[in-house]
Amino acid sequence: MVALREAYHGWTYASDAVSTSLQDNPNALATRPSWVHTVDSPNPYRGRHRGADAARYAPGAAAVIDGLAAAGRPAGAFVSETFYGNAGGVALPDGYLAEVYAAVRRHGGLAVADEVQAGYGRLGHWFWGFEQQQVVPDIVCVAKAMGNGHPLGAVVTSRAIAERYREQGYFFSSTGGSPVSSVVGLTVLDALRDEGLQGNAVRVGGHLKRRLQALADRHGIVGAVHGSGLYLGLELVRDRGTLEPATEETAELCERMLDLGVVVQPTGDHLNILKIKPPLCLDTAAADFFADALDLALTQLGHAG
């Protein structure tokens, strides 16, 4: 398996094995099984290649995949979030997944898309994160959002892949395909359609992102605003030139926000990014409440500093 660094996929044995987020597992990179291979975090803001140079991430990942095949260990699959969640809702560089998917498929492997956080209309302009990259994965993993609180998840794939899975042994699930869960999932899809929640993510998410971007003009600690729709990340830095992470300040900011009635948590390997992923039914008034509270908390933080 080939996975991205600074990514999170879950806590089961296999999903933890391909999770490399240091905040979810401080020993993530040192404790990978031998069958897991990682490639650079394709972060155009603070990664190895920044800005226009971010186009170098895809060839670099493809070279790792080609190298594994040349060594007689071709990758069975490449797994990644389709929109970089734990790194703060950072969009992947244009064309990244197309080039990396092509590389893994060249050697008989599969492309696995983790849409647990990015999918179901949260990005606004795209229902799935892989649409933003103009690719079609071989396997799509979905959870959380599709049940809206009910424990429900899905693995979506082609019939050919599903039939191969059955050849590896008899599989059953005592609760898989429950009529109750199926009704819940269908009802969530109906609500997304009937209440126009994907469009709401575009409108309210766009408004919220503009409010957050405006904060950067008033508060030097705001380094960047990442994301799309209602999948946003506010990255805090001590210096916009060096991008030194404002880790302690971010923790204090979260405490100040809690005092103001807002629950928000830090993310990223440096814990310096506010993870902003509210319910898709968020309205403009609630978005403004959040932005106003954040403005006040940042002002208090600045005065305290």
Protein backbone atom coordinates (compact mmCIF):
# COMPACT_ATOMS: atom_id res chain seq x y z
CA MET A 1 0.00 0.00 0.00
CA VAL A 2 1.11 3.53 -0.77
CA ALA A 3 -0.25 6.31 1.45
CA LEU A 4 0.25 10.04 1.91
CA ARG A 5 2.09 11.44 4.89
CA GLU A 6 0.06 13.57 7.32
CA ALA A 7 -3.11 11.62 6.53
CA TYR A 8 -5.66 9.90 8.75
CA HIS A 9 -7.85 6.97 7.71
CA GLY A 10 -9.07 5.30 10.92
CA TRP A 11 -8.22 3.18 13.95
CA THR A 12 -8.72 -0.41 12.80
CA TYR A 13 -5.47 -2.34 12.29
CA ALA A 14 -5.38 -1.84 8.54
CA SER A 15 -6.66 1.74 8.45
CA ASP A 16 -4.28 2.78 11.23
CA ALA A 17 -1.43 1.13 9.33
CA VAL A 18 -1.93 3.56 6.44
CA SER A 19 -2.60 6.57 8.69
CA THR A 20 0.44 8.80 9.03
CA SER A 21 -0.88 11.83 10.95
CA LEU A 22 1.55 12.46 13.80
CA GLN A 23 -1.17 13.96 15.99
CA ASP A 24 -3.35 10.86 15.71
CA ASN A 25 -0.33 8.64 16.29
CA PRO A 26 2.96 10.32 17.34
CA ASN A 27 4.85 7.19 16.22
CA ALA A 28 2.99 6.92 12.94
CA LEU A 29 5.97 7.02 10.60
CA ALA A 30 8.24 4.88 12.79
CA THR A 31 5.72 2.09 13.33
CA ARG A 32 4.47 1.48 9.80
CA PRO A 33 4.29 -2.20 8.76
CA SER A 34 6.72 -3.16 6.01
CA TRP A 35 3.90 -3.28 3.45
CA VAL A 36 3.08 0.42 3.88
CA HIS A 37 5.04 2.97 1.85
CA THR A 38 4.51 6.72 2.19
CA VAL A 39 4.93 9.63 -0.19
CA ASP A 40 5.29 13.36 0.47
CA SER A 41 2.36 15.28 1.83
CA PRO A 42 1.26 17.25 -1.28
CA ASN A 43 0.71 20.44 0.68
CA PRO A 44 1.29 23.50 -1.53
CA TYR A 45 1.31 25.86 1.47
CA ARG A 46 3.89 24.43 3.86
CA GLY A 47 5.09 21.18 2.26
CA ARG A 48 8.40 20.46 0.55
CA HIS A 49 7.15 22.01 -2.72
CA ARG A 50 5.17 25.22 -2.39
CA GLY A 51 3.09 27.37 -4.69
CA ALA A 52 3.70 26.62 -8.36
CA ASP A 53 6.33 24.03 -7.37
CA ALA A 54 3.53 21.87 -5.96
CA ALA A 55 3.25 20.35 -9.44
CA ARG A 56 6.33 18.29 -8.47
CA TYR A 57 4.46 16.20 -5.89
CA ALA A 58 2.71 13.97 -8.41
CA PRO A 59 5.82 12.95 -10.38
CA GLY A 60 7.57 12.30 -7.06
CA ALA A 61 4.80 9.98 -5.86
CA ALA A 62 4.65 8.23 -9.24
CA ALA A 63 8.42 7.64 -9.05
CA VAL A 64 8.00 5.90 -5.67
CA ILE A 65 5.26 3.69 -7.12
CA ASP A 66 7.36 2.87 -10.19
CA GLY A 67 10.34 2.15 -7.93
CA LEU A 68 8.35 -0.37 -5.88
CA ALA A 69 7.34 -2.18 -9.06
CA ALA A 70 10.93 -2.21 -10.33
CA ALA A 71 12.01 -3.75 -7.02
CA GLY A 72 9.46 -6.53 -7.43
CA ARG A 73 7.02 -5.12 -4.88
CA PRO A 74 4.31 -3.43 -6.96
CA ALA A 75 1.75 -1.53 -4.91
CA GLY A 76 -1.61 -3.22 -4.52
CA ALA A 77 -3.24 0.16 -3.97
CA PHE A 78 -2.77 3.86 -3.40
CA VAL A 79 -5.00 5.37 -0.71
CA SER A 80 -5.59 9.03 0.02
CA GLU A 81 -8.12 11.58 1.08
CA THR A 82 -9.38 13.42 -1.97
CA PHE A 83 -9.16 16.76 -0.17
CA TYR A 84 -6.50 16.93 2.51
CA GLY A 85 -8.47 16.88 5.76
CA ASN A 86 -6.03 16.53 8.61
CA ALA A 87 -3.69 19.02 6.97
CA GLY A 88 -6.47 21.61 7.27
CA GLY A 89 -8.76 21.16 4.28
CA VAL A 90 -5.98 21.79 1.78
CA ALA A 91 -6.82 21.16 -1.87
CA LEU A 92 -4.52 18.71 -3.64
CA PRO A 93 -2.46 20.19 -6.49
CA ASP A 94 -4.28 20.16 -9.83
CA GLY A 95 -3.79 16.86 -11.65
CA TYR A 96 -2.24 15.16 -8.63
CA LEU A 97 -4.60 12.20 -8.35
CA ALA A 98 -4.76 11.67 -12.12
CA GLU A 99 -0.99 11.14 -12.33
CA VAL A 100 -0.71 9.05 -9.17
CA TYR A 101 -3.76 6.91 -10.01
CA ALA A 102 -2.27 6.24 -13.45
CA ALA A 103 1.02 5.16 -11.86
CA VAL A 104 -0.52 2.64 -9.47
CA ARG A 105 -2.82 1.25 -12.16
CA ARG A 106 0.15 0.87 -14.51
CA HIS A 107 1.40 -1.89 -12.21
CA GLY A 108 -1.95 -3.55 -11.54
CA GLY A 109 -2.85 -1.65 -8.36
CA LEU A 110 -6.07 0.07 -7.35
CA ALA A 111 -6.91 3.67 -6.50
CA VAL A 112 -8.73 4.05 -3.17
CA ALA A 113 -10.46 7.35 -2.31
CA ASP A 114 -11.16 8.21 1.32
CA GLU A 115 -14.25 10.45 1.16
CA VAL A 116 -15.19 10.12 4.83
CA GLN A 117 -14.69 13.82 5.55
CA ALA A 118 -14.74 15.46 2.12
CA GLY A 119 -17.69 13.68 0.50
CA TYR A 120 -21.46 14.13 0.51
CA GLY A 121 -21.53 17.69 -0.77
CA ARG A 122 -19.38 19.26 1.94
CA LEU A 123 -17.01 20.79 -0.61
CA GLY A 124 -19.92 22.63 -2.19
CA HIS A 125 -18.84 22.76 -5.81
CA TRP A 126 -18.29 18.98 -5.89
CA PHE A 127 -20.31 16.21 -4.26
CA TRP A 128 -17.16 14.06 -4.06
CA GLY A 129 -13.61 15.28 -3.58
CA PHE A 130 -12.38 13.15 -6.48
CA GLU A 131 -14.56 15.20 -8.83
CA GLN A 132 -12.41 18.22 -8.05
CA GLN A 133 -9.44 16.21 -9.32
CA GLN A 134 -11.39 14.95 -12.37
CA VAL A 135 -10.65 11.29 -11.65
CA VAL A 136 -12.67 8.15 -10.92
CA PRO A 137 -11.28 5.89 -8.15
CA ASP A 138 -11.59 2.11 -8.11
CA ILE A 139 -12.83 2.09 -4.50
CA VAL A 140 -14.56 4.85 -2.53
CA CYS A 141 -14.88 4.73 1.27
CA VAL A 142 -17.66 6.72 2.92
CA ALA A 143 -18.82 7.01 6.54
CA LYS A 144 -20.18 9.43 9.13
CA ALA A 145 -21.95 11.89 6.83
CA MET A 146 -24.08 9.27 5.11
CA GLY A 147 -25.78 8.36 8.40
CA ASN A 148 -25.93 11.85 9.96
CA GLY A 149 -25.17 10.39 13.39
CA HIS A 150 -26.46 6.87 12.73
CA PRO A 151 -23.54 4.38 12.52
CA LEU A 152 -23.44 3.85 8.80
CA GLY A 153 -20.62 3.50 6.29
CA ALA A 154 -20.06 2.16 2.81
CA VAL A 155 -17.43 0.88 0.45
CA VAL A 156 -18.37 1.63 -3.16
CA THR A 157 -16.58 -0.22 -5.93
CA SER A 158 -17.03 -1.99 -9.25
CA ARG A 159 -18.65 -5.38 -9.60
CA ALA A 160 -15.38 -6.86 -10.87
CA ILE A 161 -13.50 -5.84 -7.73
CA ALA A 162 -16.36 -6.92 -5.46
CA GLU A 163 -16.44 -10.37 -7.06
CA ARG A 164 -12.68 -10.80 -6.51
CA TYR A 165 -13.22 -9.92 -2.88
CA ARG A 166 -15.70 -12.80 -2.55
CA GLU A 167 -13.10 -15.20 -3.94
CA GLN A 168 -10.85 -14.63 -0.93
CA GLY A 169 -13.24 -16.32 1.49
CA TYR A 170 -16.82 -16.15 2.67
CA PHE A 171 -17.69 -12.79 4.18
CA PHE A 172 -20.84 -11.81 6.05
CA SER A 173 -21.91 -9.08 8.44
CA SER A 174 -24.61 -9.58 11.05
CA THR A 175 -25.84 -6.01 10.67
CA GLY A 176 -24.67 -5.23 7.13
CA GLY A 177 -27.50 -4.12 4.88
CA SER A 178 -29.87 -3.50 7.80
CA PRO A 179 -33.20 -2.10 6.52
CA VAL A 180 -33.09 0.53 9.29
CA SER A 181 -29.62 1.72 8.24
CA SER A 182 -30.64 1.66 4.59
CA VAL A 183 -33.63 3.90 5.31
CA VAL A 184 -31.42 6.29 7.28
CA GLY A 185 -28.93 6.52 4.41
CA LEU A 186 -31.64 7.12 1.83
CA THR A 187 -33.26 9.76 4.04
CA VAL A 188 -29.97 11.62 4.37
CA LEU A 189 -29.59 11.64 0.58
CA ASP A 190 -33.17 12.93 0.26
CA ALA A 191 -32.43 15.73 2.75
CA LEU A 192 -29.25 16.71 0.91
CA ARG A 193 -31.28 16.99 -2.30
CA ASP A 194 -34.54 18.45 -0.98
CA GLU A 195 -32.93 21.02 1.33
CA GLY A 196 -30.26 22.00 -1.21
CA LEU A 197 -27.47 21.43 1.30
CA GLN A 198 -24.70 21.16 -1.29
CA GLY A 199 -25.73 24.56 -2.64
CA ASN A 200 -25.85 25.85 0.93
CA ALA A 201 -22.25 24.73 1.36
CA VAL A 202 -21.34 26.83 -1.69
CA ARG A 203 -23.17 29.95 -0.51
CA VAL A 204 -22.61 29.91 3.25
CA GLY A 205 -19.18 28.31 2.90
CA GLY A 206 -18.16 31.00 0.44
CA HIS A 207 -19.40 33.71 2.79
CA LEU A 208 -17.59 32.17 5.75
CA LYS A 209 -14.34 31.80 3.81
CA ARG A 210 -14.48 35.47 2.80
CA ARG A 211 -15.03 36.44 6.44
CA LEU A 212 -12.05 34.33 7.47
CA GLN A 213 -9.86 35.77 4.72
CA ALA A 214 -10.73 39.26 5.90
CA LEU A 215 -9.40 38.35 9.35
CA ALA A 216 -5.95 37.88 7.80
CA ASP A 217 -5.89 41.61 7.04
CA ARG A 218 -6.41 42.41 10.73
CA HIS A 219 -4.49 39.63 12.45
CA GLY A 220 -0.92 38.82 11.40
CA ILE A 221 -1.10 35.40 13.01
CA VAL A 222 -3.50 34.20 10.30
CA GLY A 223 -1.26 32.62 7.67
CA ALA A 224 -3.77 31.08 5.27
CA VAL A 225 -7.38 30.04 4.82
CA HIS A 226 -7.68 26.63 3.20
CA GLY A 227 -10.60 24.67 1.85
CA SER A 228 -13.82 24.75 -0.12
CA GLY A 229 -17.50 24.92 0.80
CA LEU A 230 -17.95 24.03 4.46
CA TYR A 231 -14.63 22.20 4.64
CA LEU A 232 -12.26 24.94 5.80
CA GLY A 233 -9.03 25.34 7.72
CA LEU A 234 -7.53 28.49 9.26
CA GLU A 235 -3.76 28.11 9.56
CA LEU A 236 -2.01 30.13 12.25
CA VAL A 237 1.66 31.04 12.01
CA ARG A 238 4.05 33.17 14.03
CA ASP A 239 5.76 34.44 10.90
CA ARG A 240 4.27 34.48 7.40
CA GLY A 241 7.71 34.23 5.88
CA THR A 242 9.08 31.25 7.80
CA LEU A 243 5.60 29.73 8.41
CA GLU A 244 6.64 28.88 11.99
CA PRO A 245 3.54 27.12 13.39
CA ALA A 246 1.65 28.99 16.12
CA THR A 247 0.88 25.78 18.03
CA GLU A 248 0.52 27.17 21.55
CA GLU A 249 -1.44 30.17 20.30
CA THR A 250 -3.85 27.89 18.45
CA ALA A 251 -4.52 25.88 21.61
CA GLU A 252 -5.19 29.07 23.56
CA LEU A 253 -7.40 30.38 20.77
CA CYS A 254 -9.56 27.25 20.97
CA GLU A 255 -9.99 27.80 24.72
CA ARG A 256 -10.98 31.43 24.17
CA MET A 257 -13.46 30.35 21.48
CA LEU A 258 -14.98 27.84 23.92
CA ASP A 259 -15.54 30.68 26.42
CA LEU A 260 -17.38 32.51 23.63
CA GLY A 261 -19.65 29.54 22.96
CA VAL A 262 -17.87 27.99 19.99
CA VAL A 263 -16.36 24.50 19.92
CA VAL A 264 -13.43 24.25 17.50
CA GLN A 265 -10.32 22.09 17.57
CA PRO A 266 -6.80 22.23 16.11
CA THR A 267 -5.54 19.90 13.41
CA GLY A 268 -2.40 19.34 11.34
CA ASP A 269 0.90 17.77 12.33
CA HIS A 270 1.75 21.02 14.13
CA LEU A 271 -1.73 21.51 15.66
CA ASN A 272 -1.80 25.04 14.27
CA ILE A 273 -4.86 24.85 12.04
CA LEU A 274 -8.47 25.36 13.11
CA LYS A 275 -10.62 22.51 11.81
CA ILE A 276 -13.79 24.18 10.51
CA LYS A 277 -16.34 21.63 9.32
CA PRO A 278 -19.79 22.66 10.59
CA PRO A 279 -23.10 20.95 9.73
CA LEU A 280 -24.12 21.49 6.10
CA CYS A 281 -27.32 23.23 7.30
CA LEU A 282 -25.23 26.10 8.73
CA ASP A 283 -26.83 29.46 7.91
CA THR A 284 -25.25 32.86 7.34
CA ALA A 285 -26.13 34.12 10.81
CA ALA A 286 -24.32 31.18 12.42
CA ALA A 287 -21.34 31.66 10.12
CA ASP A 288 -21.17 35.32 11.13
CA PHE A 289 -21.43 34.36 14.82
CA PHE A 290 -18.42 32.09 14.36
CA ALA A 291 -16.41 34.68 12.43
CA ASP A 292 -17.22 37.43 14.95
CA ALA A 293 -16.25 35.19 17.87
CA LEU A 294 -13.00 34.29 16.10
CA ASP A 295 -12.25 37.97 15.44
CA LEU A 296 -12.77 38.75 19.13
CA ALA A 297 -10.70 35.76 20.29
CA LEU A 298 -7.85 36.68 17.94
CA THR A 299 -7.96 40.27 19.25
CA GLN A 300 -7.83 39.01 22.85
CA LEU A 301 -4.97 36.70 21.90
CA GLY A 302 -3.07 39.59 20.34
CA HIS A 303 -3.54 41.78 23.39
CA ALA A 304 -2.46 38.94 25.69
CA GLY A 305 0.62 38.36 23.55
